[in-house]
Amino acid sequence: MDWGYFEDHLVYEDGKWKKLYCFLMILGYSRMRYIEFVTDMSTNTLIRCHQNAFRYFGGYPEEILYDNIKQVVIKRLLKQEDTTLDRQFEDFAGFYGFKPILCRSYRGQTKGKVERTVQFMRDNFMVGIKYNRLADLNGQALAWCNKVNGNVHATTNEIPSERLKKEGLSPLSRKYIIDKINLRRVQKDCLISYAGNQYSVPAEYIGKDVAVVALDSMLAAYYEGKQIALHRISYQRKDMVVNPQHYRRLTLKQTMDAENVLLEQGKVIDFPLKPSDLSRYDEVLYD
């Protein structure tokens, strides 16, 4: 995956002229291509483009190769496992279960397939292109993708859309709805903050980022698509809503004569909940 910046082109959107960027993704085996033009390169836009590419391909691969773009990588270190990824993008990748792979620095040939696509677009697709709005341009881009993916590829001597059947993509069974999701880091006391209050999640998620979804009077926390906590929303300020079961792993480590002080406070225990229909929360994440 890579970005392309077309400095000689603008698009008129929302009452003003905007710069034109392009999201590009190409599958390693089949050489299927997907391109989409955008007017910003934010993390939210990157995630939406990924989802559109996944829908176009009919699934997603186990690994995706990236350059050191700031929407994916915050701090690059020698070992990838020590590298800091963007929190939102890391949650997105974990939700689907694909692994982001980072190109080695100064080794542009590592992702040569997609870079050649950028150059091909500059020399062919963008030459003499005419469009009114972004939607018009993306309509032409989709038609271009359908055309090149239906022609014999110069390297494989096969048609990408035919080779796609052997790509081994994971099927799309759910959707990451970024607009309705807030990420929260779980603190050492098992608490996350939301709207001025604190809510507990199980101790095993300390230090991790969880997705928080609020609907009606309920708040749900998810980790990589799995619901891990459900609370009634408190409309107090600086309130603490805690489920004692979330601290079970911590209390088991304590001696018999030591108690968890978080459970001694009279008003911190969560209200008992009746069995709830959780389908609405799952719709937010899986839609």
Protein backbone atom coordinates (compact mmCIF):
# COMPACT_ATOMS: atom_id res chain seq x y z
CA MET A 1 0.00 0.00 0.00
CA ASP A 2 1.20 3.52 -0.69
CA TRP A 3 0.08 7.11 -1.19
CA GLY A 4 0.45 9.08 -4.39
CA TYR A 5 0.46 12.89 -4.45
CA PHE A 6 -0.58 14.56 -7.69
CA GLU A 7 0.78 18.05 -7.20
CA ASP A 8 -0.36 19.27 -10.62
CA HIS A 9 -4.03 18.42 -9.98
CA LEU A 10 -6.69 19.91 -7.72
CA VAL A 11 -10.34 19.08 -7.06
CA TYR A 12 -13.18 21.42 -6.09
CA GLU A 13 -14.93 20.08 -2.97
CA ASP A 14 -16.95 21.75 -0.20
CA GLY A 15 -16.64 25.18 -1.81
CA LYS A 16 -12.88 25.27 -2.22
CA TRP A 17 -10.00 23.82 -4.23
CA LYS A 18 -8.19 20.97 -2.51
CA LYS A 19 -5.01 19.01 -3.11
CA LEU A 20 -5.36 15.60 -4.70
CA TYR A 21 -3.91 12.41 -3.22
CA CYS A 22 -4.35 8.79 -4.20
CA PHE A 23 -4.53 5.62 -2.14
CA LEU A 24 -3.03 2.63 -3.95
CA MET A 25 -3.07 -1.04 -3.04
CA ILE A 26 -1.90 -4.02 -5.09
CA LEU A 27 -2.12 -7.69 -4.14
CA GLY A 28 1.19 -9.53 -4.28
CA TYR A 29 0.10 -12.75 -5.98
CA SER A 30 -2.69 -11.79 -8.33
CA ARG A 31 -1.47 -8.19 -9.02
CA MET A 32 -5.03 -6.93 -8.53
CA ARG A 33 -4.94 -3.13 -8.20
CA TYR A 34 -7.19 -0.71 -6.37
CA ILE A 35 -6.88 3.08 -6.42
CA GLU A 36 -8.97 5.79 -4.78
CA PHE A 37 -8.54 9.57 -4.87
CA VAL A 38 -8.90 11.59 -1.66
CA THR A 39 -8.30 15.16 -0.48
CA ASP A 40 -6.42 14.33 2.74
CA MET A 41 -4.16 11.59 4.10
CA SER A 42 -5.51 11.31 7.64
CA THR A 43 -5.64 8.02 9.52
CA ASN A 44 -9.44 7.96 9.22
CA THR A 45 -9.18 8.38 5.45
CA LEU A 46 -6.53 5.67 5.27
CA ILE A 47 -8.80 3.24 7.12
CA ARG A 48 -11.80 4.03 4.91
CA CYS A 49 -9.69 3.44 1.79
CA HIS A 50 -8.54 0.11 3.18
CA GLN A 51 -12.15 -0.93 3.72
CA ASN A 52 -13.09 0.09 0.18
CA ALA A 53 -10.13 -1.87 -1.19
CA PHE A 54 -11.11 -4.93 0.86
CA ARG A 55 -14.64 -4.75 -0.53
CA TYR A 56 -13.31 -4.39 -4.07
CA PHE A 57 -11.00 -7.41 -3.67
CA GLY A 58 -13.63 -9.43 -1.84
CA GLY A 59 -11.42 -9.91 1.23
CA TYR A 60 -8.11 -8.96 2.81
CA PRO A 61 -4.64 -10.57 3.05
CA GLU A 62 -2.80 -11.79 6.13
CA GLU A 63 -0.10 -9.15 5.74
CA ILE A 64 0.08 -5.69 4.16
CA LEU A 65 3.35 -3.95 3.36
CA TYR A 66 3.76 -0.24 4.21
CA ASP A 67 6.35 2.45 3.84
CA ASN A 68 7.07 4.54 6.93
CA ILE A 69 3.97 6.71 6.51
CA LYS A 70 2.93 8.71 9.56
CA GLN A 71 -0.65 7.40 9.46
CA VAL A 72 0.76 3.93 10.27
CA VAL A 73 4.10 4.50 12.01
CA ILE A 74 4.61 7.00 14.82
CA LYS A 75 8.13 5.95 15.82
CA ARG A 76 10.24 3.62 13.67
CA LEU A 77 12.92 1.51 15.40
CA LEU A 78 15.35 -1.10 14.09
CA LYS A 79 13.12 -4.02 15.12
CA GLN A 80 9.49 -3.85 13.99
CA GLU A 81 8.25 -5.27 17.30
CA ASP A 82 9.76 -2.21 19.02
CA THR A 83 8.19 0.22 16.56
CA THR A 84 5.26 2.39 17.72
CA LEU A 85 2.24 2.26 15.40
CA ASP A 86 -0.59 4.76 15.21
CA ARG A 87 -3.11 3.73 17.89
CA GLN A 88 -6.16 3.98 15.65
CA PHE A 89 -4.54 2.10 12.77
CA GLU A 90 -3.20 -0.59 15.10
CA ASP A 91 -6.71 -1.12 16.47
CA PHE A 92 -8.05 -1.34 12.91
CA ALA A 93 -5.45 -3.94 11.91
CA GLY A 94 -6.12 -5.93 15.08
CA PHE A 95 -9.87 -5.82 14.45
CA TYR A 96 -9.43 -7.62 11.12
CA GLY A 97 -6.37 -9.60 12.16
CA PHE A 98 -3.95 -8.62 9.39
CA LYS A 99 -0.32 -7.81 10.15
CA PRO A 100 1.21 -4.49 9.02
CA ILE A 101 4.73 -5.10 7.65
CA LEU A 102 7.06 -2.10 7.39
CA CYS A 103 9.50 -1.64 4.53
CA ARG A 104 13.16 -1.42 5.42
CA SER A 105 14.45 2.12 5.27
CA TYR A 106 16.06 3.12 1.98
CA ARG A 107 14.86 -0.08 0.35
CA GLY A 108 12.18 1.30 -1.97
CA GLN A 109 12.40 -1.75 -4.23
CA THR A 110 10.72 -3.77 -1.45
CA LYS A 111 7.35 -2.40 -2.55
CA GLY A 112 8.22 -1.86 -6.20
CA LYS A 113 4.90 -3.25 -7.46
CA VAL A 114 2.84 -0.42 -6.00
CA GLU A 115 5.43 2.25 -6.85
CA ARG A 116 5.34 1.16 -10.50
CA THR A 117 1.55 1.54 -10.37
CA VAL A 118 1.98 5.14 -9.14
CA GLN A 119 4.29 5.88 -12.05
CA PHE A 120 2.00 4.13 -14.53
CA MET A 121 -0.90 6.28 -13.33
CA ARG A 122 1.15 9.45 -13.79
CA ASP A 123 2.16 8.46 -17.33
CA ASN A 124 -1.20 7.07 -18.43
CA PHE A 125 -4.32 7.54 -16.32
CA MET A 126 -3.68 11.17 -15.30
CA VAL A 127 -2.59 12.40 -18.75
CA GLY A 128 -5.41 14.53 -20.16
CA ILE A 129 -7.84 13.41 -17.44
CA LYS A 130 -11.00 15.52 -17.10
CA TYR A 131 -13.30 15.44 -14.07
CA ASN A 132 -15.82 17.68 -12.34
CA ARG A 133 -15.79 16.41 -8.77
CA LEU A 134 -14.04 13.83 -6.63
CA ALA A 135 -16.85 11.31 -7.16
CA ASP A 136 -16.47 11.70 -10.92
CA LEU A 137 -12.71 11.11 -10.73
CA ASN A 138 -13.15 8.04 -8.53
CA GLY A 139 -15.72 6.65 -10.94
CA GLN A 140 -13.11 6.85 -13.69
CA ALA A 141 -10.51 5.35 -11.35
CA LEU A 142 -12.76 2.36 -10.62
CA ALA A 143 -13.35 1.83 -14.36
CA TRP A 144 -9.58 1.95 -14.87
CA CYS A 145 -9.06 -0.68 -12.14
CA ASN A 146 -11.63 -2.96 -13.74
CA LYS A 147 -9.85 -2.59 -17.08
CA VAL A 148 -6.28 -3.28 -15.91
CA ASN A 149 -7.40 -6.09 -13.61
CA GLY A 150 -9.11 -7.74 -16.59
CA ASN A 151 -6.05 -7.58 -18.87
CA VAL A 152 -3.08 -9.93 -18.99
CA HIS A 153 -0.38 -8.74 -16.59
CA ALA A 154 3.04 -8.24 -18.16
CA THR A 155 4.91 -10.07 -15.36
CA THR A 156 2.62 -13.00 -14.57
CA ASN A 157 1.23 -13.40 -18.12
CA GLU A 158 -2.13 -14.04 -16.48
CA ILE A 159 -5.25 -11.99 -15.82
CA PRO A 160 -5.24 -10.54 -12.26
CA SER A 161 -8.97 -11.06 -11.75
CA GLU A 162 -8.49 -14.77 -12.55
CA ARG A 163 -5.46 -15.16 -10.26
CA LEU A 164 -7.45 -13.46 -7.49
CA LYS A 165 -9.29 -16.75 -6.94
CA LYS A 166 -6.02 -18.24 -5.63
CA GLU A 167 -4.98 -15.25 -3.52
CA GLY A 168 -6.31 -16.80 -0.32
CA LEU A 169 -7.93 -13.68 1.10
CA SER A 170 -9.84 -13.69 4.38
CA PRO A 171 -13.55 -12.98 3.79
CA LEU A 172 -15.14 -9.78 5.07
CA SER A 173 -17.60 -10.76 7.77
CA ARG A 174 -17.77 -7.45 9.66
CA LYS A 175 -17.02 -3.75 9.29
CA TYR A 176 -14.94 -1.41 11.39
CA ILE A 177 -17.11 1.69 11.92
CA ILE A 178 -14.53 4.35 12.72
CA ASP A 179 -16.94 7.29 13.13
CA LYS A 180 -18.68 5.73 16.15
CA ILE A 181 -15.62 4.36 17.92
CA ASN A 182 -13.38 6.02 20.49
CA LEU A 183 -10.08 4.47 21.54
CA ARG A 184 -9.10 4.49 25.20
CA ARG A 185 -5.89 3.28 26.86
CA VAL A 186 -6.53 0.94 29.85
CA GLN A 187 -4.68 2.25 32.93
CA LYS A 188 -2.96 0.20 35.64
CA ASP A 189 -6.10 0.33 37.78
CA CYS A 190 -8.10 -1.37 34.97
CA LEU A 191 -9.96 1.85 34.23
CA ILE A 192 -10.70 3.74 31.02
CA SER A 193 -11.96 7.33 30.85
CA TYR A 194 -15.06 8.35 28.98
CA ALA A 195 -16.99 11.66 29.17
CA GLY A 196 -15.43 12.67 32.47
CA ASN A 197 -16.01 9.33 34.22
CA GLN A 198 -14.08 6.08 34.60
CA TYR A 199 -15.16 2.54 33.73
CA SER A 200 -13.49 -0.79 34.41
CA VAL A 201 -12.39 -3.49 31.98
CA PRO A 202 -10.79 -6.87 32.76
CA ALA A 203 -7.25 -6.68 34.17
CA GLU A 204 -5.68 -8.57 31.26
CA TYR A 205 -6.19 -5.51 29.04
CA ILE A 206 -4.06 -3.15 31.15
CA GLY A 207 -1.85 -1.07 28.87
CA LYS A 208 -3.86 -1.89 25.75
CA ASP A 209 -6.09 0.35 23.65
CA VAL A 210 -9.76 -0.66 23.62
CA ALA A 211 -12.60 0.61 21.44
CA VAL A 212 -15.45 2.28 23.30
CA VAL A 213 -18.99 2.41 21.90
CA ALA A 214 -21.76 4.36 23.64
CA LEU A 215 -25.39 3.75 22.69
CA ASP A 216 -28.46 4.93 24.59
CA SER A 217 -27.60 4.56 28.29
CA MET A 218 -25.00 1.80 27.86
CA LEU A 219 -21.26 1.79 27.22
CA ALA A 220 -19.47 -1.20 25.69
CA ALA A 221 -15.71 -1.79 25.42
CA TYR A 222 -14.20 -3.96 22.69
CA TYR A 223 -10.74 -5.34 22.03
CA GLU A 224 -10.02 -6.49 18.48
CA GLY A 225 -13.74 -6.87 17.85
CA LYS A 226 -14.49 -8.86 21.05
CA GLN A 227 -16.75 -7.25 23.63
CA ILE A 228 -14.90 -7.24 26.97
CA ALA A 229 -17.07 -4.96 29.16
CA LEU A 230 -20.56 -3.52 29.37
CA HIS A 231 -21.64 -0.74 31.76
CA ARG A 232 -24.49 1.61 32.37
CA ILE A 233 -23.35 5.13 31.53
CA SER A 234 -23.01 7.41 34.56
CA TYR A 235 -24.25 10.97 34.15
CA GLN A 236 -22.35 12.17 37.24
CA ARG A 237 -18.99 13.88 36.99
CA LYS A 238 -15.78 12.16 38.05
CA ASP A 239 -17.72 8.98 38.78
CA MET A 240 -16.20 5.50 38.84
CA VAL A 241 -18.20 2.55 37.48
CA VAL A 242 -16.57 -0.77 38.30
CA ASN A 243 -17.37 -4.44 37.81
CA PRO A 244 -15.54 -6.38 40.58
CA GLN A 245 -15.08 -9.37 38.28
CA HIS A 246 -12.70 -7.26 36.19
CA TYR A 247 -10.25 -7.27 39.11
CA ARG A 248 -10.36 -11.01 39.69
CA ARG A 249 -6.97 -11.61 38.09
CA LEU A 250 -5.42 -8.97 40.36
CA THR A 251 -7.06 -10.15 43.58
CA LEU A 252 -5.96 -13.75 42.98
CA LYS A 253 -2.36 -12.58 43.18
CA GLN A 254 -2.84 -11.01 46.59
CA THR A 255 -2.36 -12.76 49.93
CA MET A 256 -5.34 -13.72 52.09
CA ASP A 257 -4.88 -10.77 54.43
CA ALA A 258 -4.54 -8.13 51.69
CA GLU A 259 -7.58 -6.68 50.00
CA ASN A 260 -7.97 -4.68 46.81
CA VAL A 261 -8.78 -1.14 47.97
CA LEU A 262 -10.61 -0.43 44.72
CA LEU A 263 -13.31 -2.85 45.86
CA GLU A 264 -13.69 -1.33 49.33
CA GLN A 265 -15.37 1.87 48.09
CA GLY A 266 -19.11 1.65 48.50
CA LYS A 267 -20.15 3.46 45.33
CA VAL A 268 -17.73 2.10 42.78
CA ILE A 269 -19.42 -1.24 42.13
CA ASP A 270 -21.31 -1.40 38.85
CA PHE A 271 -25.07 -1.89 38.93
CA PRO A 272 -26.18 -5.47 38.29
CA LEU A 273 -27.33 -5.77 34.70
CA LYS A 274 -30.19 -7.77 33.34
CA PRO A 275 -29.44 -9.84 30.23
CA SER A 276 -29.29 -7.35 27.35
CA ASP A 277 -29.69 -7.60 23.61
CA LEU A 278 -26.15 -6.79 22.45
CA SER A 279 -26.94 -6.91 18.75
CA ARG A 280 -27.02 -3.10 18.50
CA TYR A 281 -23.44 -2.84 19.72
CA ASP A 282 -22.31 -5.55 17.37
CA GLU A 283 -24.03 -3.73 14.51
CA VAL A 284 -21.84 -0.71 15.22
CA LEU A 285 -18.69 -2.78 14.85
CA TYR A 286 -19.78 -5.42 12.36
CA ASP A 287 -22.51 -3.65 10.29
